[in-house]
Amino acid sequence: MRTIRTVAELRAALAPERRRARTIGLVPTMGDLHEGHLSLIRAARADCDVVVVSLFVNPSQFGAGEDLDAYPRDERRDRELATAEGVDVLFAPAPAEVYPDGFATTVSVSGLTEVLCGDAERRGPGHFEGVTTVVAKLLNMAQPDVAYFGQKDAQQALVIRRLVRDLDIPVQISVLPTVREPDGLALSSRNAYLDPGERDRATALHSALAAAEAAVAGGELAAADVLAAARTELEAAGIEPEYLELRSTVDLAPAERVNGTTLLAVAARVGRARLIDNTVLTSKGDR
């Protein structure tokens, strides 16, 4: 495995592979690799001839007061895990390589980014603009055939699909299922912030989703009833959600009832960790 720091080196490394018509898979990450990331890497390894993993803690997607400085970083461990999974190229640029002096261009996707994790009143402006700008840059840098993302970041996945469609970027976006701990907690680098008591409470996010799924399976389809079932689990753990909402899986429009496939998304702060999770609810008649 090669560790590469610059865009020029990355393009030079991938150009011969592209000339040989070898397929290139990209797994964008902010490092601190865990089993969720590794599941994406394994899918890329199974699908593609060449696997590139990017490690870049993107400063432009962190709001004021968020955990940019504290975000877990351990490149040596990441290199070991990536090597064990058969990664060909680890792309680990410095911020100045991604955002050089005088950088003045951003990419934004409207219509999907103003709600949930993009709500400016909750997180401040610019989160998704930071995400879409860096993803557009990474796709241009590596020019992969396939790029891999996790369903845990459901809104992000929708936004990136729209970005690729609207800008005619020739890449397939593959979104893979959320990877969870045995007790249901979705894997996240921010889980490292949780102390043992907070770790136990954090499982309420998954319990809330499971309660909503059970309510739908029992015939409850109205948003108020489904959300009430989920909220009960959060309240029992003393968690006040940042948001707990039913949204369309197509355009994130508010959903008044479970109809077809409906996204139930939740975000909450547990201790100093901001955690997100989601599930797609499907009524009996739509299965």
C-alpha atoms as a PDB file:
ATOM      1  CA  MET A   1       0.000   0.000   0.000  1.00  0.00           C
ATOM      2  CA  ARG A   2       1.206   3.486  -0.892  1.00  0.00           C
ATOM      3  CA  THR A   3       0.546   6.527   1.296  1.00  0.00           C
ATOM      4  CA  ILE A   4       0.186   9.614  -0.871  1.00  0.00           C
ATOM      5  CA  ARG A   5       0.006  13.250   0.270  1.00  0.00           C
ATOM      6  CA  THR A   6      -0.526  15.324  -2.872  1.00  0.00           C
ATOM      7  CA  VAL A   7      -3.046  15.481  -5.697  1.00  0.00           C
ATOM      8  CA  ALA A   8      -0.251  15.303  -8.277  1.00  0.00           C
ATOM      9  CA  GLU A   9       1.082  12.068  -6.750  1.00  0.00           C
ATOM     10  CA  LEU A  10      -2.423  10.600  -6.580  1.00  0.00           C
ATOM     11  CA  ARG A  11      -3.128  11.312 -10.236  1.00  0.00           C
ATOM     12  CA  ALA A  12       0.281   9.963 -11.246  1.00  0.00           C
ATOM     13  CA  ALA A  13      -0.348   6.752  -9.299  1.00  0.00           C
ATOM     14  CA  LEU A  14      -3.806   6.199 -10.773  1.00  0.00           C
ATOM     15  CA  ALA A  15      -3.139   7.213 -14.392  1.00  0.00           C
ATOM     16  CA  PRO A  16      -1.500   3.889 -15.381  1.00  0.00           C
ATOM     17  CA  GLU A  17      -4.332   1.943 -13.741  1.00  0.00           C
ATOM     18  CA  ARG A  18      -6.889   3.995 -15.665  1.00  0.00           C
ATOM     19  CA  ARG A  19      -5.036   3.428 -18.950  1.00  0.00           C
ATOM     20  CA  ARG A  20      -5.224  -0.306 -18.286  1.00  0.00           C
ATOM     21  CA  ALA A  21      -9.007   0.071 -17.843  1.00  0.00           C
ATOM     22  CA  ARG A  22      -8.785  -1.076 -14.251  1.00  0.00           C
ATOM     23  CA  THR A  23     -11.728  -0.012 -12.106  1.00  0.00           C
ATOM     24  CA  ILE A  24     -11.007   2.382  -9.244  1.00  0.00           C
ATOM     25  CA  GLY A  25     -12.992   2.483  -6.003  1.00  0.00           C
ATOM     26  CA  LEU A  26     -12.803   5.398  -3.576  1.00  0.00           C
ATOM     27  CA  VAL A  27     -13.741   5.264   0.108  1.00  0.00           C
ATOM     28  CA  PRO A  28     -13.727   8.828   1.492  1.00  0.00           C
ATOM     29  CA  THR A  29     -13.191   8.955   5.268  1.00  0.00           C
ATOM     30  CA  MET A  30     -12.139  11.365   7.990  1.00  0.00           C
ATOM     31  CA  GLY A  31      -9.868   8.664   9.402  1.00  0.00           C
ATOM     32  CA  ASP A  32     -10.125   6.929  12.774  1.00  0.00           C
ATOM     33  CA  LEU A  33     -11.227   3.859  10.828  1.00  0.00           C
ATOM     34  CA  HIS A  34     -13.737   1.500  12.421  1.00  0.00           C
ATOM     35  CA  GLU A  35     -15.735  -1.495  11.263  1.00  0.00           C
ATOM     36  CA  GLY A  36     -18.188   0.728   9.405  1.00  0.00           C
ATOM     37  CA  HIS A  37     -15.369   2.120   7.268  1.00  0.00           C
ATOM     38  CA  LEU A  38     -13.879  -1.336   6.863  1.00  0.00           C
ATOM     39  CA  SER A  39     -17.181  -2.664   5.496  1.00  0.00           C
ATOM     40  CA  LEU A  40     -16.989  -0.001   2.771  1.00  0.00           C
ATOM     41  CA  ILE A  41     -13.366  -0.884   2.034  1.00  0.00           C
ATOM     42  CA  ARG A  42     -14.246  -4.576   1.736  1.00  0.00           C
ATOM     43  CA  ALA A  43     -17.041  -3.775  -0.687  1.00  0.00           C
ATOM     44  CA  ALA A  44     -14.632  -1.656  -2.756  1.00  0.00           C
ATOM     45  CA  ARG A  45     -12.061  -4.453  -2.679  1.00  0.00           C
ATOM     46  CA  ALA A  46     -14.673  -6.953  -3.901  1.00  0.00           C
ATOM     47  CA  ASP A  47     -15.937  -4.653  -6.667  1.00  0.00           C
ATOM     48  CA  CYS A  48     -12.878  -2.831  -7.953  1.00  0.00           C
ATOM     49  CA  ASP A  49      -9.355  -3.503  -9.183  1.00  0.00           C
ATOM     50  CA  VAL A  50      -7.822  -0.574  -7.294  1.00  0.00           C
ATOM     51  CA  VAL A  51      -8.973   0.717  -3.901  1.00  0.00           C
ATOM     52  CA  VAL A  52      -8.224   4.240  -2.714  1.00  0.00           C
ATOM     53  CA  VAL A  53      -9.055   5.344   0.835  1.00  0.00           C
ATOM     54  CA  SER A  54      -8.858   9.037   1.671  1.00  0.00           C
ATOM     55  CA  LEU A  55      -8.085  10.243   5.198  1.00  0.00           C
ATOM     56  CA  PHE A  56      -8.989  13.891   5.621  1.00  0.00           C
ATOM     57  CA  VAL A  57     -10.616  15.620   8.568  1.00  0.00           C
ATOM     58  CA  ASN A  58     -12.394  18.290   6.571  1.00  0.00           C
ATOM     59  CA  PRO A  59     -12.328  21.604   8.482  1.00  0.00           C
ATOM     60  CA  SER A  60     -14.948  23.259   6.283  1.00  0.00           C
ATOM     61  CA  GLN A  61     -17.769  20.968   7.445  1.00  0.00           C
ATOM     62  CA  PHE A  62     -17.284  21.706  11.148  1.00  0.00           C
ATOM     63  CA  GLY A  63     -19.254  24.584  12.607  1.00  0.00           C
ATOM     64  CA  ALA A  64     -18.094  27.055  15.234  1.00  0.00           C
ATOM     65  CA  GLY A  65     -17.701  25.292  18.566  1.00  0.00           C
ATOM     66  CA  GLU A  66     -17.785  21.803  17.038  1.00  0.00           C
ATOM     67  CA  ASP A  67     -15.133  19.167  17.638  1.00  0.00           C
ATOM     68  CA  LEU A  68     -12.637  19.813  14.816  1.00  0.00           C
ATOM     69  CA  ASP A  69      -9.620  19.929  17.131  1.00  0.00           C
ATOM     70  CA  ALA A  70     -10.780  16.997  19.252  1.00  0.00           C
ATOM     71  CA  TYR A  71     -11.879  14.740  16.371  1.00  0.00           C
ATOM     72  CA  PRO A  72     -10.043  11.393  16.726  1.00  0.00           C
ATOM     73  CA  ARG A  73      -6.935  11.042  14.571  1.00  0.00           C
ATOM     74  CA  ASP A  74      -4.596   8.026  14.442  1.00  0.00           C
ATOM     75  CA  GLU A  75      -2.987   7.700  11.023  1.00  0.00           C
ATOM     76  CA  ARG A  76      -0.618   4.904  12.045  1.00  0.00           C
ATOM     77  CA  ARG A  77      -3.526   2.714  13.137  1.00  0.00           C
ATOM     78  CA  ASP A  78      -5.494   3.675  10.021  1.00  0.00           C
ATOM     79  CA  ARG A  79      -2.558   2.637   7.825  1.00  0.00           C
ATOM     80  CA  GLU A  80      -2.360  -0.731   9.568  1.00  0.00           C
ATOM     81  CA  LEU A  81      -6.083  -1.391   9.147  1.00  0.00           C
ATOM     82  CA  ALA A  82      -6.080  -0.251   5.524  1.00  0.00           C
ATOM     83  CA  THR A  83      -3.086  -2.441   4.727  1.00  0.00           C
ATOM     84  CA  ALA A  84      -4.777  -5.455   6.305  1.00  0.00           C
ATOM     85  CA  GLU A  85      -7.846  -4.892   4.098  1.00  0.00           C
ATOM     86  CA  GLY A  86      -5.800  -4.772   0.899  1.00  0.00           C
ATOM     87  CA  VAL A  87      -6.081  -1.051   0.194  1.00  0.00           C
ATOM     88  CA  ASP A  88      -3.825   0.028  -2.666  1.00  0.00           C
ATOM     89  CA  VAL A  89      -3.572   3.781  -2.007  1.00  0.00           C
ATOM     90  CA  LEU A  90      -4.048   5.740   1.199  1.00  0.00           C
ATOM     91  CA  PHE A  91      -4.557   9.399   0.285  1.00  0.00           C
ATOM     92  CA  ALA A  92      -3.842  11.552   3.334  1.00  0.00           C
ATOM     93  CA  PRO A  93      -3.460  15.181   2.231  1.00  0.00           C
ATOM     94  CA  ALA A  94      -2.802  18.143   4.482  1.00  0.00           C
ATOM     95  CA  PRO A  95      -5.490  20.846   4.671  1.00  0.00           C
ATOM     96  CA  ALA A  96      -3.300  23.161   2.578  1.00  0.00           C
ATOM     97  CA  GLU A  97      -3.265  20.582  -0.217  1.00  0.00           C
ATOM     98  CA  VAL A  98      -7.065  20.421  -0.326  1.00  0.00           C
ATOM     99  CA  TYR A  99      -7.624  24.131   0.307  1.00  0.00           C
ATOM    100  CA  PRO A 100      -4.565  25.913  -1.094  1.00  0.00           C
ATOM    101  CA  ASP A 101      -3.822  29.580  -0.572  1.00  0.00           C
ATOM    102  CA  GLY A 102      -6.511  31.707  -2.166  1.00  0.00           C
ATOM    103  CA  PHE A 103      -9.074  28.897  -2.343  1.00  0.00           C
ATOM    104  CA  ALA A 104     -12.368  30.637  -3.123  1.00  0.00           C
ATOM    105  CA  THR A 105     -14.766  28.076  -4.631  1.00  0.00           C
ATOM    106  CA  THR A 106     -17.568  26.170  -2.948  1.00  0.00           C
ATOM    107  CA  VAL A 107     -20.137  23.655  -4.166  1.00  0.00           C
ATOM    108  CA  SER A 108     -23.646  23.696  -2.720  1.00  0.00           C
ATOM    109  CA  VAL A 109     -26.728  21.527  -3.226  1.00  0.00           C
ATOM    110  CA  SER A 110     -29.988  23.280  -2.458  1.00  0.00           C
ATOM    111  CA  GLY A 111     -33.241  21.618  -1.448  1.00  0.00           C
ATOM    112  CA  LEU A 112     -31.745  18.733   0.534  1.00  0.00           C
ATOM    113  CA  THR A 113     -29.322  20.568   2.789  1.00  0.00           C
ATOM    114  CA  GLU A 114     -31.461  23.009   4.752  1.00  0.00           C
ATOM    115  CA  VAL A 115     -33.077  20.432   7.076  1.00  0.00           C
ATOM    116  CA  LEU A 116     -31.962  17.787   9.596  1.00  0.00           C
ATOM    117  CA  CYS A 117     -28.139  18.023   9.863  1.00  0.00           C
ATOM    118  CA  GLY A 118     -28.144  21.068   7.596  1.00  0.00           C
ATOM    119  CA  ASP A 119     -30.449  23.215   9.701  1.00  0.00           C
ATOM    120  CA  ALA A 120     -28.467  26.426  10.204  1.00  0.00           C
ATOM    121  CA  GLU A 121     -30.276  27.271  13.452  1.00  0.00           C
ATOM    122  CA  ARG A 122     -29.071  24.017  15.000  1.00  0.00           C
ATOM    123  CA  ARG A 123     -25.510  23.800  13.682  1.00  0.00           C
ATOM    124  CA  GLY A 124     -24.742  27.126  12.072  1.00  0.00           C
ATOM    125  CA  PRO A 125     -24.391  27.666   8.326  1.00  0.00           C
ATOM    126  CA  GLY A 126     -22.113  25.844   5.949  1.00  0.00           C
ATOM    127  CA  HIS A 127     -22.019  22.205   7.089  1.00  0.00           C
ATOM    128  CA  PHE A 128     -23.221  20.617   3.880  1.00  0.00           C
ATOM    129  CA  GLU A 129     -21.454  23.165   1.717  1.00  0.00           C
ATOM    130  CA  GLY A 130     -18.273  21.914   3.358  1.00  0.00           C
ATOM    131  CA  VAL A 131     -19.260  18.300   2.690  1.00  0.00           C
ATOM    132  CA  THR A 132     -20.249  18.783  -0.939  1.00  0.00           C
ATOM    133  CA  THR A 133     -17.198  20.891  -1.727  1.00  0.00           C
ATOM    134  CA  VAL A 134     -14.730  18.367  -0.332  1.00  0.00           C
ATOM    135  CA  VAL A 135     -16.540  15.396  -1.891  1.00  0.00           C
ATOM    136  CA  ALA A 136     -16.570  17.120  -5.289  1.00  0.00           C
ATOM    137  CA  LYS A 137     -12.839  17.748  -4.897  1.00  0.00           C
ATOM    138  CA  LEU A 138     -12.075  14.166  -3.872  1.00  0.00           C
ATOM    139  CA  LEU A 139     -14.065  12.809  -6.812  1.00  0.00           C
ATOM    140  CA  ASN A 140     -12.138  15.100  -9.150  1.00  0.00           C
ATOM    141  CA  MET A 141      -8.816  14.190  -7.565  1.00  0.00           C
ATOM    142  CA  ALA A 142      -9.244  10.405  -7.723  1.00  0.00           C
ATOM    143  CA  GLN A 143     -11.764  10.151 -10.606  1.00  0.00           C
ATOM    144  CA  PRO A 144     -13.054   6.807  -9.290  1.00  0.00           C
ATOM    145  CA  ASP A 145     -15.504   4.534 -11.037  1.00  0.00           C
ATOM    146  CA  VAL A 146     -17.323   3.907  -7.741  1.00  0.00           C
ATOM    147  CA  ALA A 147     -17.362   5.843  -4.452  1.00  0.00           C
ATOM    148  CA  TYR A 148     -18.602   4.232  -1.236  1.00  0.00           C
ATOM    149  CA  PHE A 149     -20.612   5.794   1.598  1.00  0.00           C
ATOM    150  CA  GLY A 150     -22.569   4.515   4.611  1.00  0.00           C
ATOM    151  CA  GLN A 151     -26.325   4.650   5.144  1.00  0.00           C
ATOM    152  CA  LYS A 152     -25.788   5.996   8.689  1.00  0.00           C
ATOM    153  CA  ASP A 153     -25.282   9.361   6.998  1.00  0.00           C
ATOM    154  CA  ALA A 154     -28.512   9.013   5.006  1.00  0.00           C
ATOM    155  CA  GLN A 155     -28.924  12.714   4.300  1.00  0.00           C
ATOM    156  CA  GLN A 156     -25.319  12.993   3.169  1.00  0.00           C
ATOM    157  CA  ALA A 157     -25.809  10.059   0.798  1.00  0.00           C
ATOM    158  CA  LEU A 158     -28.860  11.726  -0.792  1.00  0.00           C
ATOM    159  CA  VAL A 159     -26.978  15.002  -1.132  1.00  0.00           C
ATOM    160  CA  ILE A 160     -23.990  13.331  -2.774  1.00  0.00           C
ATOM    161  CA  ARG A 161     -26.206  11.438  -5.220  1.00  0.00           C
ATOM    162  CA  ARG A 162     -27.792  14.761  -6.195  1.00  0.00           C
ATOM    163  CA  LEU A 163     -24.373  16.421  -6.492  1.00  0.00           C
ATOM    164  CA  VAL A 164     -23.108  13.716  -8.839  1.00  0.00           C
ATOM    165  CA  ARG A 165     -26.275  13.784 -10.927  1.00  0.00           C
ATOM    166  CA  ASP A 166     -26.464  17.551 -11.231  1.00  0.00           C
ATOM    167  CA  LEU A 167     -22.782  18.037 -12.094  1.00  0.00           C
ATOM    168  CA  ASP A 168     -22.582  15.007 -14.436  1.00  0.00           C
ATOM    169  CA  ILE A 169     -19.708  13.507 -12.471  1.00  0.00           C
ATOM    170  CA  PRO A 170     -19.060  10.073 -14.003  1.00  0.00           C
ATOM    171  CA  VAL A 171     -19.048   8.003 -10.823  1.00  0.00           C
ATOM    172  CA  GLN A 172     -21.363   5.408  -9.318  1.00  0.00           C
ATOM    173  CA  ILE A 173     -22.329   6.119  -5.697  1.00  0.00           C
ATOM    174  CA  SER A 174     -22.667   2.966  -3.615  1.00  0.00           C
ATOM    175  CA  VAL A 175     -24.421   3.350  -0.244  1.00  0.00           C
ATOM    176  CA  LEU A 176     -24.016   0.412   2.142  1.00  0.00           C
ATOM    177  CA  PRO A 177     -25.927  -0.513   5.318  1.00  0.00           C
ATOM    178  CA  THR A 178     -25.131   0.974   8.709  1.00  0.00           C
ATOM    179  CA  VAL A 179     -22.787  -1.184  10.782  1.00  0.00           C
ATOM    180  CA  ARG A 180     -23.769  -1.537  14.435  1.00  0.00           C
ATOM    181  CA  GLU A 181     -22.440  -2.789  17.737  1.00  0.00           C
ATOM    182  CA  PRO A 182     -24.169  -5.933  19.080  1.00  0.00           C
ATOM    183  CA  ASP A 183     -26.463  -3.718  21.195  1.00  0.00           C
ATOM    184  CA  GLY A 184     -27.507  -1.699  18.143  1.00  0.00           C
ATOM    185  CA  LEU A 185     -25.421   1.456  18.563  1.00  0.00           C
ATOM    186  CA  ALA A 186     -24.339   2.694  15.136  1.00  0.00           C
ATOM    187  CA  LEU A 187     -20.571   2.762  14.764  1.00  0.00           C
ATOM    188  CA  SER A 188     -19.120   6.256  14.767  1.00  0.00           C
ATOM    189  CA  SER A 189     -15.743   7.778  15.520  1.00  0.00           C
ATOM    190  CA  ARG A 190     -17.540  10.064  17.978  1.00  0.00           C
ATOM    191  CA  ASN A 191     -18.548   7.049  20.095  1.00  0.00           C
ATOM    192  CA  ALA A 192     -15.064   7.401  21.573  1.00  0.00           C
ATOM    193  CA  TYR A 193     -16.264  10.515  23.405  1.00  0.00           C
ATOM    194  CA  LEU A 194     -18.812   8.497  25.444  1.00  0.00           C
ATOM    195  CA  ASP A 195     -18.079   7.435  29.023  1.00  0.00           C
ATOM    196  CA  PRO A 196     -19.574   4.073  30.113  1.00  0.00           C
ATOM    197  CA  GLY A 197     -22.822   5.592  31.374  1.00  0.00           C
ATOM    198  CA  GLU A 198     -23.254   7.718  28.262  1.00  0.00           C
ATOM    199  CA  ARG A 199     -22.453   4.679  26.131  1.00  0.00           C
ATOM    200  CA  ASP A 200     -25.372   2.812  27.720  1.00  0.00           C
ATOM    201  CA  ARG A 201     -27.718   5.760  27.220  1.00  0.00           C
ATOM    202  CA  ALA A 202     -26.673   6.174  23.604  1.00  0.00           C
ATOM    203  CA  THR A 203     -28.268   2.842  22.685  1.00  0.00           C
ATOM    204  CA  ALA A 204     -31.613   4.632  23.095  1.00  0.00           C
ATOM    205  CA  LEU A 205     -31.188   6.059  19.584  1.00  0.00           C
ATOM    206  CA  HIS A 206     -31.362   2.577  18.109  1.00  0.00           C
ATOM    207  CA  SER A 207     -34.100   1.598  20.549  1.00  0.00           C
ATOM    208  CA  ALA A 208     -36.120   4.582  19.339  1.00  0.00           C
ATOM    209  CA  LEU A 209     -35.789   3.460  15.736  1.00  0.00           C
ATOM    210  CA  ALA A 210     -36.723  -0.095  16.687  1.00  0.00           C
ATOM    211  CA  ALA A 211     -39.806   1.147  18.576  1.00  0.00           C
ATOM    212  CA  ALA A 212     -40.905   3.069  15.491  1.00  0.00           C
ATOM    213  CA  GLU A 213     -40.392   0.004  13.325  1.00  0.00           C
ATOM    214  CA  ALA A 214     -42.508  -2.032  15.751  1.00  0.00           C
ATOM    215  CA  ALA A 215     -45.247   0.605  15.720  1.00  0.00           C
ATOM    216  CA  VAL A 216     -45.358   0.537  11.911  1.00  0.00           C
ATOM    217  CA  ALA A 217     -45.393  -3.253  11.911  1.00  0.00           C
ATOM    218  CA  GLY A 218     -48.388  -3.033  14.258  1.00  0.00           C
ATOM    219  CA  GLY A 219     -50.267  -0.825  11.818  1.00  0.00           C
ATOM    220  CA  GLU A 220     -49.415   2.658  13.117  1.00  0.00           C
ATOM    221  CA  LEU A 221     -48.680   4.832  10.093  1.00  0.00           C
ATOM    222  CA  ALA A 222     -49.433   8.400  11.214  1.00  0.00           C
ATOM    223  CA  ALA A 223     -46.295  10.449  11.861  1.00  0.00           C
ATOM    224  CA  ALA A 224     -47.465  11.560  15.300  1.00  0.00           C
ATOM    225  CA  ASP A 225     -47.928   7.966  16.475  1.00  0.00           C
ATOM    226  CA  VAL A 226     -44.696   6.665  15.007  1.00  0.00           C
ATOM    227  CA  LEU A 227     -42.680   9.550  16.421  1.00  0.00           C
ATOM    228  CA  ALA A 228     -44.346   9.171  19.832  1.00  0.00           C
ATOM    229  CA  ALA A 229     -43.199   5.548  20.001  1.00  0.00           C
ATOM    230  CA  ALA A 230     -39.643   6.579  19.185  1.00  0.00           C
ATOM    231  CA  ARG A 231     -39.626   9.563  21.554  1.00  0.00           C
ATOM    232  CA  THR A 232     -40.702   7.391  24.491  1.00  0.00           C
ATOM    233  CA  GLU A 233     -37.435   5.436  24.209  1.00  0.00           C
ATOM    234  CA  LEU A 234     -35.351   8.598  24.113  1.00  0.00           C
ATOM    235  CA  GLU A 235     -37.161  10.116  27.078  1.00  0.00           C
ATOM    236  CA  ALA A 236     -36.612   6.945  29.103  1.00  0.00           C
ATOM    237  CA  ALA A 237     -32.864   7.436  28.614  1.00  0.00           C
ATOM    238  CA  GLY A 238     -33.029  11.152  29.418  1.00  0.00           C
ATOM    239  CA  ILE A 239     -32.172  12.154  25.857  1.00  0.00           C
ATOM    240  CA  GLU A 240     -33.706  15.216  24.206  1.00  0.00           C
ATOM    241  CA  PRO A 241     -33.201  14.818  20.466  1.00  0.00           C
ATOM    242  CA  GLU A 242     -31.779  17.582  18.340  1.00  0.00           C
ATOM    243  CA  TYR A 243     -34.239  16.278  15.779  1.00  0.00           C
ATOM    244  CA  LEU A 244     -36.506  13.256  15.403  1.00  0.00           C
ATOM    245  CA  GLU A 245     -38.304  13.472  12.088  1.00  0.00           C
ATOM    246  CA  LEU A 246     -40.039  11.509   9.363  1.00  0.00           C
ATOM    247  CA  ARG A 247     -38.880  12.524   5.894  1.00  0.00           C
ATOM    248  CA  SER A 248     -39.226  11.313   2.320  1.00  0.00           C
ATOM    249  CA  THR A 249     -36.348   9.098   1.210  1.00  0.00           C
ATOM    250  CA  VAL A 250     -36.493  10.829  -2.181  1.00  0.00           C
ATOM    251  CA  ASP A 251     -36.340  14.561  -1.391  1.00  0.00           C
ATOM    252  CA  LEU A 252     -36.438  14.815   2.429  1.00  0.00           C
ATOM    253  CA  ALA A 253     -39.855  16.473   2.345  1.00  0.00           C
ATOM    254  CA  PRO A 254     -41.729  16.120   5.668  1.00  0.00           C
ATOM    255  CA  ALA A 255     -43.816  12.936   5.833  1.00  0.00           C
ATOM    256  CA  GLU A 256     -47.196  13.015   7.567  1.00  0.00           C
ATOM    257  CA  ARG A 257     -47.432   9.228   7.531  1.00  0.00           C
ATOM    258  CA  VAL A 258     -45.419   6.194   6.581  1.00  0.00           C
ATOM    259  CA  ASN A 259     -46.183   5.767   2.921  1.00  0.00           C
ATOM    260  CA  GLY A 260     -43.966   3.680   0.679  1.00  0.00           C
ATOM    261  CA  THR A 261     -40.511   4.174   2.106  1.00  0.00           C
ATOM    262  CA  THR A 262     -40.066   6.864   4.736  1.00  0.00           C
ATOM    263  CA  LEU A 263     -36.875   7.906   6.488  1.00  0.00           C
ATOM    264  CA  LEU A 264     -36.936   8.204  10.268  1.00  0.00           C
ATOM    265  CA  ALA A 265     -33.885  10.230  11.252  1.00  0.00           C
ATOM    266  CA  VAL A 266     -32.619  11.148  14.693  1.00  0.00           C
ATOM    267  CA  ALA A 267     -29.767  13.233  16.051  1.00  0.00           C
ATOM    268  CA  ALA A 268     -28.952  13.815  19.707  1.00  0.00           C
ATOM    269  CA  ARG A 269     -26.143  14.930  21.952  1.00  0.00           C
ATOM    270  CA  VAL A 270     -25.089  12.396  24.546  1.00  0.00           C
ATOM    271  CA  GLY A 271     -22.419  13.926  26.723  1.00  0.00           C
ATOM    272  CA  ARG A 272     -20.150  15.746  24.281  1.00  0.00           C
ATOM    273  CA  ALA A 273     -20.884  13.359  21.411  1.00  0.00           C
ATOM    274  CA  ARG A 274     -23.321  14.367  18.692  1.00  0.00           C
ATOM    275  CA  LEU A 275     -24.766  11.107  17.364  1.00  0.00           C
ATOM    276  CA  ILE A 276     -27.000  10.419  14.370  1.00  0.00           C
ATOM    277  CA  ASP A 277     -28.943   7.373  13.233  1.00  0.00           C
ATOM    278  CA  ASN A 278     -31.800   6.478  10.922  1.00  0.00           C
ATOM    279  CA  THR A 279     -33.972   3.722   9.533  1.00  0.00           C
ATOM    280  CA  VAL A 280     -36.209   3.395   6.486  1.00  0.00           C
ATOM    281  CA  LEU A 281     -39.770   2.517   7.507  1.00  0.00           C
ATOM    282  CA  THR A 282     -41.869   0.491   5.092  1.00  0.00           C
ATOM    283  CA  SER A 283     -45.575  -0.211   5.691  1.00  0.00           C
ATOM    284  CA  LYS A 284     -46.890  -3.750   5.235  1.00  0.00           C
ATOM    285  CA  GLY A 285     -48.630  -2.979   1.976  1.00  0.00           C
ATOM    286  CA  ASP A 286     -45.381  -1.677   0.462  1.00  0.00           C
ATOM    287  CA  ARG A 287     -43.170  -4.652   1.240  1.00  0.00           C
END
